[in-house]
C-alpha cells in the first residue's frame, strides 16, 4: 500500500535527518529560509503504524499572476530510493499531494550514485587525447541499482530535461561532483592521498606564513569581495552579499556547525576564503573565493587543507568539493577546476541527475520554453 504523505513540522523534519548518517544540506528545514523567493514546506512519509520513514524539503515557486507553482526538491527527497515499489509507494503520494497544493510541475534530484572514477582513472582520462568527456571513460565503480531507479522513473512518467549549460553545468544541482572519502582513514592517510603538487603547495603556504582562520558573520563582506573578484575572473554571475548573510543566519540558527567560514591571511591581507557546510557525516566545500594577487603563496591549498582537517575532526565520512564538469577538453577553463580537485586524491562521482514530472503538460512546456530562452 502507498505510504501516507503529509506536511510535517520543522522539528520532525530535523529530528529525522539527525537520525541518518547524512543527507543533503539542501534537504534540511533551514535551507528553505535561504531561498525567500520560494515557499518551503517539509513533507513526511508515514507507514501505517505512524512511523516517519522519509522526509523532503519542497520549494514552491509561484508563476507570476497565476496560483500555480513549480515544486522543487533539490537533492531529494530523503527516501528509500532502492525500494522495489519506489513509484507506487513513495513518489505517487508525493505527486498527488503537490498537485493538490497547486503544483503544475515537479523537479527532484535523486541522491543516487551511478558511477565513481578514482583519481588515477580521472588522470588517465585527462591524459588520453581521444577522450572528450568523463562520461565516456571507464569507471572504477558502477552501481547497477541506479539503472533500475532510472528505468522506474521513466516508466512512470518522469523525464530528464536537456542539461544545457556549459560543459555539464546547468540550472539546478551538479550531476558530477568530486568527493574525498574519509571513512576509516586517518588524517595522515588523507594527506598521503594528496598528490605531490598539493603537498608541496601546503608546505609552501605554511612556510610563507599563510594563516587560515575560522571567521564569522562580520567576515562575510571580506569573503564576498574576493568572491565577486572570482566571479569576474571565472565568468559566472555572483550572488549578492545579502544571500550569504541570510544563509549564515538561518543555517547557524538551526545548527552552530551547519555553516563555517574560513579565511586565508597573509601579511594582513585576506587572499582566499571559503564556506563549509555540514550535515551529519557529510561535509561540503560550498563556495570558494580568491584573489589573483600573491598566488605564489598558495592560499587556496592552505584553506582546503584546513577545512579537510576540521572536517575529519568533526567525524566526516566524506569531504565533498561539489561540482565538476565532465569535459576533458584542454580548451575549456573548467578542466583546470577538475585538475585542482583531482589533486586531493578523491573520486569523481556521477549522480542520477535531476528529473521532471509534468502535472500540467501545457504549463510545464511553457516553463521549459521560457527557461531555454533565458
Protein backbone atom coordinates (compact mmCIF):
# COMPACT_ATOMS: atom_id res chain seq x y z
CA UNK A 1 0.00 0.00 0.00
CA UNK A 2 1.17 3.58 -0.63
CA UNK A 3 2.72 5.41 2.26
CA UNK A 4 0.82 8.30 3.80
CA UNK A 5 2.30 11.68 2.96
CA UNK A 6 1.60 14.91 4.80
CA UNK A 7 3.20 18.17 5.85
CA UNK A 8 5.36 17.84 8.97
CA UNK A 9 6.90 20.34 11.37
CA UNK A 10 10.45 21.60 11.07
CA UNK A 11 11.30 19.83 14.32
CA UNK A 12 10.03 16.48 13.00
CA UNK A 13 11.94 17.02 9.77
CA UNK A 14 15.19 17.92 11.51
CA UNK A 15 14.91 15.03 14.00
CA UNK A 16 14.58 12.56 11.12
CA UNK A 17 17.61 13.99 9.31
CA UNK A 18 19.62 13.81 12.54
CA UNK A 19 18.80 10.09 12.79
CA UNK A 20 20.61 9.43 9.49
CA UNK A 21 24.35 9.31 8.76
CA UNK A 22 23.87 12.18 6.33
CA UNK A 23 21.51 13.97 3.97
CA UNK A 24 21.95 16.83 1.53
CA UNK A 25 22.32 20.30 3.03
CA UNK A 26 19.52 21.26 0.64
CA UNK A 27 17.17 18.86 2.40
CA UNK A 28 17.30 20.37 5.89
CA UNK A 29 14.49 22.72 7.03
CA UNK A 30 16.70 25.82 7.21
CA UNK A 31 17.57 25.60 3.52
CA UNK A 32 14.07 26.82 2.74
CA UNK A 33 14.88 30.04 4.59
CA UNK A 34 17.93 30.55 2.36
CA UNK A 35 15.54 30.82 -0.62
CA UNK A 36 12.99 33.56 0.23
CA UNK A 37 11.62 33.66 -3.33
CA UNK A 38 10.35 30.11 -2.80
CA UNK A 39 7.77 28.90 -0.30
CA UNK A 40 9.22 25.97 1.62
CA UNK A 41 7.36 23.04 3.12
CA UNK A 42 8.55 19.94 4.96
CA UNK A 43 6.97 16.68 3.80
CA UNK A 44 6.88 13.38 5.66
CA UNK A 45 6.20 9.81 4.51
CA UNK A 46 4.49 7.63 7.15
CA UNK A 47 3.95 3.90 7.48
CA UNK A 48 0.53 2.64 8.53
CA UNK A 49 1.68 2.39 12.15
CA UNK A 50 2.54 6.09 12.19
CA UNK A 51 6.34 5.77 11.83
CA UNK A 52 8.03 8.55 9.88
CA UNK A 53 10.17 6.81 7.23
CA UNK A 54 11.12 9.60 4.84
CA UNK A 55 11.23 13.38 4.54
CA UNK A 56 11.59 16.00 1.86
CA UNK A 57 12.07 19.74 1.67
CA UNK A 58 9.99 21.04 -1.21
CA UNK A 59 10.43 24.57 -2.53
CA UNK A 60 7.38 26.06 -4.28
CA UNK A 61 7.95 28.83 -6.83
CA UNK A 62 4.78 30.66 -7.94
CA UNK A 63 4.16 31.59 -11.56
CA UNK A 64 3.56 35.33 -12.00
CA UNK A 65 -0.18 36.19 -11.89
CA UNK A 66 -1.17 32.54 -11.54
CA UNK A 67 -1.93 30.45 -8.47
CA UNK A 68 0.18 27.58 -9.72
CA UNK A 69 3.67 26.55 -8.63
CA UNK A 70 6.82 24.78 -9.69
CA UNK A 71 7.70 22.30 -6.94
CA UNK A 72 11.41 21.58 -6.47
CA UNK A 73 13.13 19.07 -4.17
CA UNK A 74 16.87 19.79 -4.58
CA UNK A 75 19.00 16.68 -3.99
CA UNK A 76 15.97 14.97 -2.52
CA UNK A 77 13.64 13.79 -1.21
CA UNK A 78 15.25 11.73 1.59
CA UNK A 79 13.54 8.40 0.99
CA UNK A 80 14.37 4.76 0.21
CA UNK A 81 15.36 5.20 -3.42
CA UNK A 82 16.07 1.49 -3.88
CA UNK A 83 12.64 0.31 -2.72
CA UNK A 84 11.11 -2.13 -5.24
CA UNK A 85 7.86 -0.15 -5.12
CA UNK A 86 9.50 3.27 -5.40
CA UNK A 87 6.96 4.87 -7.72
CA UNK A 88 3.74 3.47 -6.26
CA UNK A 89 4.56 3.74 -2.55
CA UNK A 90 6.81 6.79 -2.42
CA UNK A 91 6.52 9.03 -5.46
CA UNK A 92 2.84 8.79 -6.39
CA UNK A 93 1.69 10.06 -2.98
CA UNK A 94 4.15 12.96 -3.35
CA UNK A 95 2.83 13.88 -6.79
CA UNK A 96 -0.77 13.71 -5.62
CA UNK A 97 -0.03 15.91 -2.62
CA UNK A 98 1.90 18.51 -4.61
CA UNK A 99 -0.83 18.64 -7.26
CA UNK A 100 -3.36 19.35 -4.52
CA UNK A 101 -1.10 22.22 -3.40
CA UNK A 102 -1.23 23.84 -6.83
CA UNK A 103 1.95 22.45 -8.40
CA UNK A 104 1.94 22.18 -12.21
CA UNK A 105 5.43 20.62 -12.43
CA UNK A 106 7.74 18.75 -10.03
CA UNK A 107 11.53 18.68 -10.21
CA UNK A 108 13.64 16.47 -7.94
CA UNK A 109 17.24 15.33 -7.66
CA UNK A 110 17.54 11.71 -6.52
CA UNK A 111 20.67 11.35 -4.32
CA UNK A 112 21.53 8.15 -6.20
CA UNK A 113 25.13 7.49 -7.24
CA UNK A 114 25.59 5.98 -10.70
CA UNK A 115 29.38 5.74 -11.11
CA UNK A 116 32.67 6.66 -9.48
CA UNK A 117 36.10 7.29 -11.01
CA UNK A 118 39.23 7.13 -8.86
CA UNK A 119 41.74 9.97 -9.09
CA UNK A 120 44.00 7.74 -11.19
CA UNK A 121 41.13 6.92 -13.56
CA UNK A 122 40.34 10.63 -13.99
CA UNK A 123 44.01 11.47 -14.62
CA UNK A 124 44.23 8.70 -17.22
CA UNK A 125 41.13 10.06 -18.95
CA UNK A 126 42.56 13.60 -18.97
CA UNK A 127 45.81 12.28 -20.47
CA UNK A 128 44.01 10.32 -23.21
CA UNK A 129 43.92 12.52 -26.35
CA UNK A 130 40.95 10.56 -27.65
CA UNK A 131 38.83 11.18 -24.54
CA UNK A 132 36.36 14.04 -24.71
CA UNK A 133 34.19 13.55 -21.65
CA UNK A 134 34.46 11.77 -18.34
CA UNK A 135 31.09 10.23 -19.13
CA UNK A 136 32.77 8.06 -21.77
CA UNK A 137 35.74 6.99 -19.62
CA UNK A 138 35.86 3.62 -17.87
CA UNK A 139 34.51 3.98 -14.32
CA UNK A 140 36.15 2.45 -11.25
CA UNK A 141 32.78 1.59 -9.69
CA UNK A 142 29.32 1.23 -11.18
CA UNK A 143 26.11 0.83 -9.14
CA UNK A 144 23.61 -1.24 -11.12
CA UNK A 145 20.80 -0.17 -8.78
CA UNK A 146 20.90 3.32 -10.29
CA UNK A 147 19.85 1.98 -13.69
CA UNK A 148 16.85 0.29 -12.08
CA UNK A 149 15.85 3.57 -10.42
CA UNK A 150 16.17 5.44 -13.73
CA UNK A 151 14.08 2.78 -15.53
CA UNK A 152 11.36 3.04 -12.89
CA UNK A 153 11.26 6.83 -13.17
CA UNK A 154 10.96 6.72 -16.95
CA UNK A 155 8.31 4.00 -16.78
CA UNK A 156 6.13 6.14 -14.54
CA UNK A 157 6.33 9.39 -16.50
CA UNK A 158 9.40 11.17 -15.16
CA UNK A 159 11.92 12.54 -17.65
CA UNK A 160 15.28 14.26 -17.60
CA UNK A 161 15.44 17.73 -19.13
CA UNK A 162 18.13 18.79 -21.56
CA UNK A 163 21.15 19.50 -19.29
CA UNK A 164 22.10 22.66 -21.22
CA UNK A 165 24.67 24.87 -19.54
CA UNK A 166 28.39 24.97 -20.23
CA UNK A 167 30.16 21.61 -20.29
CA UNK A 168 27.70 19.95 -17.92
CA UNK A 169 26.99 22.93 -15.66
CA UNK A 170 23.32 23.83 -15.90
CA UNK A 171 20.46 25.34 -13.94
CA UNK A 172 19.91 23.15 -10.88
CA UNK A 173 22.37 20.98 -9.00
CA UNK A 174 25.52 19.40 -10.48
CA UNK A 175 25.32 15.85 -11.77
CA UNK A 176 29.08 15.36 -11.44
CA UNK A 177 30.89 16.14 -8.19
CA UNK A 178 34.27 15.40 -6.65
CA UNK A 179 34.48 13.76 -3.22
CA UNK A 180 37.28 12.66 -0.90
CA UNK A 181 36.35 9.55 1.14
CA UNK A 182 37.27 9.95 4.83
CA UNK A 183 35.63 6.90 6.40
CA UNK A 184 38.17 4.62 8.07
CA UNK A 185 41.10 6.89 7.15
CA UNK A 186 43.43 8.79 9.45
CA UNK A 187 44.34 12.39 8.68
CA UNK A 188 47.78 11.17 7.65
CA UNK A 189 46.15 8.71 5.23
CA UNK A 190 44.24 11.61 3.68
CA UNK A 191 47.34 13.77 3.45
CA UNK A 192 49.25 10.92 1.82
CA UNK A 193 46.47 10.67 -0.75
CA UNK A 194 47.08 14.23 -1.93
CA UNK A 195 49.26 14.45 -5.00
CA UNK A 196 52.81 15.75 -4.77
CA UNK A 197 51.87 19.22 -6.01
CA UNK A 198 49.17 19.60 -3.34
CA UNK A 199 51.52 18.53 -0.55
CA UNK A 200 54.21 20.86 -1.88
CA UNK A 201 51.77 23.79 -2.05
CA UNK A 202 50.53 23.21 1.51
CA UNK A 203 54.11 23.28 2.76
CA UNK A 204 54.85 26.37 0.68
CA UNK A 205 51.84 28.21 2.17
CA UNK A 206 52.90 27.29 5.69
CA UNK A 207 56.48 28.39 5.08
CA UNK A 208 55.29 31.69 3.56
CA UNK A 209 53.27 32.42 6.70
CA UNK A 210 49.74 31.91 5.37
CA UNK A 211 47.34 31.64 8.31
CA UNK A 212 43.90 30.12 7.88
CA UNK A 213 41.34 31.22 10.47
CA UNK A 214 37.69 30.47 11.07
CA UNK A 215 35.57 33.58 10.55
CA UNK A 216 32.05 34.66 11.39
CA UNK A 217 29.17 36.79 10.18
CA UNK A 218 31.21 40.00 10.32
CA UNK A 219 33.80 38.48 7.95
CA UNK A 220 31.28 37.81 5.18
CA UNK A 221 31.96 41.17 3.42
CA UNK A 222 35.66 40.23 3.14
CA UNK A 223 34.66 36.86 1.70
CA UNK A 224 32.23 38.49 -0.72
CA UNK A 225 34.81 40.93 -2.04
CA UNK A 226 37.01 38.01 -3.07
CA UNK A 227 34.00 36.08 -4.34
CA UNK A 228 33.00 38.95 -6.65
CA UNK A 229 36.56 39.08 -7.99
CA UNK A 230 36.45 35.31 -8.57
CA UNK A 231 33.14 35.62 -10.42
CA UNK A 232 34.61 38.17 -12.81
CA UNK A 233 37.67 36.03 -13.42
CA UNK A 234 35.78 32.74 -13.88
CA UNK A 235 32.83 34.18 -15.78
CA UNK A 236 29.84 33.48 -13.56
CA UNK A 237 27.19 35.74 -12.04
CA UNK A 238 27.89 36.25 -8.31
CA UNK A 239 25.27 36.09 -5.61
CA UNK A 240 24.81 39.28 -3.54
CA UNK A 241 26.31 39.67 -0.08
CA UNK A 242 22.80 39.58 1.42
CA UNK A 243 22.41 35.98 0.19
CA UNK A 244 25.41 34.81 2.22
CA UNK A 245 24.38 36.84 5.25
CA UNK A 246 20.94 35.22 5.18
CA UNK A 247 22.50 31.81 4.57
CA UNK A 248 24.76 32.24 7.61
CA UNK A 249 21.96 33.48 9.86
CA UNK A 250 19.43 30.74 9.12
CA UNK A 251 21.80 27.78 8.85
CA UNK A 252 23.75 28.51 12.05
CA UNK A 253 20.47 29.12 13.90
CA UNK A 254 19.50 25.53 13.07
CA UNK A 255 22.94 24.14 14.00
CA UNK A 256 26.00 26.22 15.00
CA UNK A 257 28.22 23.95 12.87
CA UNK A 258 25.93 23.81 9.83
CA UNK A 259 27.95 26.57 8.12
CA UNK A 260 31.53 27.71 8.67
CA UNK A 261 33.60 30.42 7.03
CA UNK A 262 37.36 30.17 6.56
CA UNK A 263 39.78 32.94 5.54
CA UNK A 264 43.42 32.64 4.48
CA UNK A 265 45.51 35.61 5.65
CA UNK A 266 48.98 36.62 4.54
CA UNK A 267 50.77 39.71 5.83
CA UNK A 268 47.50 41.32 6.90
CA UNK A 269 45.65 40.62 3.64
CA UNK A 270 42.87 38.12 3.00
CA UNK A 271 43.87 36.14 -0.09
CA UNK A 272 41.27 33.35 -0.11
CA UNK A 273 38.03 32.46 1.64
CA UNK A 274 35.59 29.56 1.57
CA UNK A 275 32.38 28.33 3.16
CA UNK A 276 31.88 24.82 4.54
CA UNK A 277 28.56 23.08 5.21
CA UNK A 278 27.96 20.02 7.39
CA UNK A 279 25.03 17.63 7.76
CA UNK A 280 25.83 14.52 9.76
CA UNK A 281 28.92 12.82 8.34
CA UNK A 282 28.85 14.70 5.02
CA UNK A 283 30.87 17.90 4.70
CA UNK A 284 30.75 20.18 1.66
CA UNK A 285 33.15 22.80 0.39
CA UNK A 286 30.35 25.11 -0.67
CA UNK A 287 31.63 28.44 -2.04
CA UNK A 288 35.24 29.42 -2.66
CA UNK A 289 36.85 32.74 -3.45
CA UNK A 290 40.37 34.01 -4.03
CA UNK A 291 42.30 36.96 -5.36
CA UNK A 292 44.74 36.76 -8.24
CA UNK A 293 47.33 38.50 -6.07
CA UNK A 294 50.07 36.51 -4.33
CA UNK A 295 49.04 33.20 -5.81
CA UNK A 296 52.59 32.01 -5.28
CA UNK A 297 51.93 31.58 -1.53
CA UNK A 298 49.18 29.02 -2.35
CA UNK A 299 46.32 30.23 -0.11
CA UNK A 300 43.72 28.03 -1.84
CA UNK A 301 45.57 24.81 -1.00
CA UNK A 302 46.10 26.03 2.55
CA UNK A 303 42.42 26.80 3.10
CA UNK A 304 41.31 23.46 1.65
CA UNK A 305 43.68 21.53 3.87
CA UNK A 306 42.45 23.37 6.97
CA UNK A 307 38.85 22.61 6.01
CA UNK A 308 39.67 18.95 5.37
CA UNK A 309 41.44 18.76 8.72
CA UNK A 310 38.45 20.24 10.53
CA UNK A 311 36.01 18.02 8.61
CA UNK A 312 37.99 14.97 9.69
CA UNK A 313 37.89 16.17 13.30
CA UNK A 314 34.10 16.55 13.01
CA UNK A 315 33.88 12.86 12.08
CA UNK A 316 33.11 13.31 8.39
CA UNK A 317 32.91 10.20 6.22
CA UNK A 318 33.16 12.25 3.04
CA UNK A 319 34.54 15.66 2.09
CA UNK A 320 32.62 16.93 -0.91
CA UNK A 321 34.18 19.50 -3.24
CA UNK A 322 30.89 19.81 -5.15
CA UNK A 323 30.52 20.33 -8.85
CA UNK A 324 32.89 19.44 -11.65
CA UNK A 325 32.45 19.44 -15.40
CA UNK A 326 32.76 16.13 -17.22
CA UNK A 327 34.64 17.84 -20.05
CA UNK A 328 38.18 16.66 -20.79
CA UNK A 329 38.75 19.32 -23.44
CA UNK A 330 42.02 21.20 -22.95
CA UNK A 331 40.46 24.37 -24.34
CA UNK A 332 37.86 24.53 -21.54
CA UNK A 333 38.70 26.65 -18.50
CA UNK A 334 36.67 24.16 -16.43
CA UNK A 335 39.30 21.47 -16.92
CA UNK A 336 41.58 23.40 -14.57
CA UNK A 337 38.97 23.08 -11.82
CA UNK A 338 38.83 19.32 -12.35
CA UNK A 339 42.63 19.06 -12.22
CA UNK A 340 42.71 21.05 -8.96
CA UNK A 341 40.17 18.76 -7.32
CA UNK A 342 41.79 15.57 -8.65
CA UNK A 343 44.89 16.61 -6.70
CA UNK A 344 43.07 15.74 -3.47
CA UNK A 345 43.24 12.06 -4.40
CA UNK A 346 39.47 11.64 -4.18
CA UNK A 347 36.84 10.39 -6.61
CA UNK A 348 34.72 11.85 -9.38
CA UNK A 349 31.11 10.86 -8.72
CA UNK A 350 28.16 10.83 -11.12
CA UNK A 351 24.66 11.15 -9.66
CA UNK A 352 21.41 10.26 -11.40
CA UNK A 353 20.73 13.93 -12.15
CA UNK A 354 17.52 15.93 -11.91
CA UNK A 355 14.14 14.66 -13.12
CA UNK A 356 10.87 16.39 -14.01
CA UNK A 357 7.23 15.32 -13.84
CA UNK A 358 4.63 17.38 -15.68
CA UNK A 359 1.41 17.58 -13.68
CA UNK A 360 0.08 20.06 -16.26
CA UNK A 361 1.76 19.41 -19.60
CA UNK A 362 0.89 22.74 -21.21
CA UNK A 363 2.21 24.83 -18.32
CA UNK A 364 5.26 22.59 -17.95
CA UNK A 365 6.09 23.01 -21.65
CA UNK A 366 5.66 26.79 -21.37
CA UNK A 367 8.09 26.87 -18.43
CA UNK A 368 10.63 24.75 -20.32
CA UNK A 369 10.43 27.12 -23.28
CA UNK A 370 10.88 30.14 -21.02
CA UNK A 371 13.93 28.57 -19.28
CA UNK A 372 15.53 27.67 -22.63
CA UNK A 373 15.39 31.32 -23.72
CA UNK A 374 16.85 32.83 -20.53
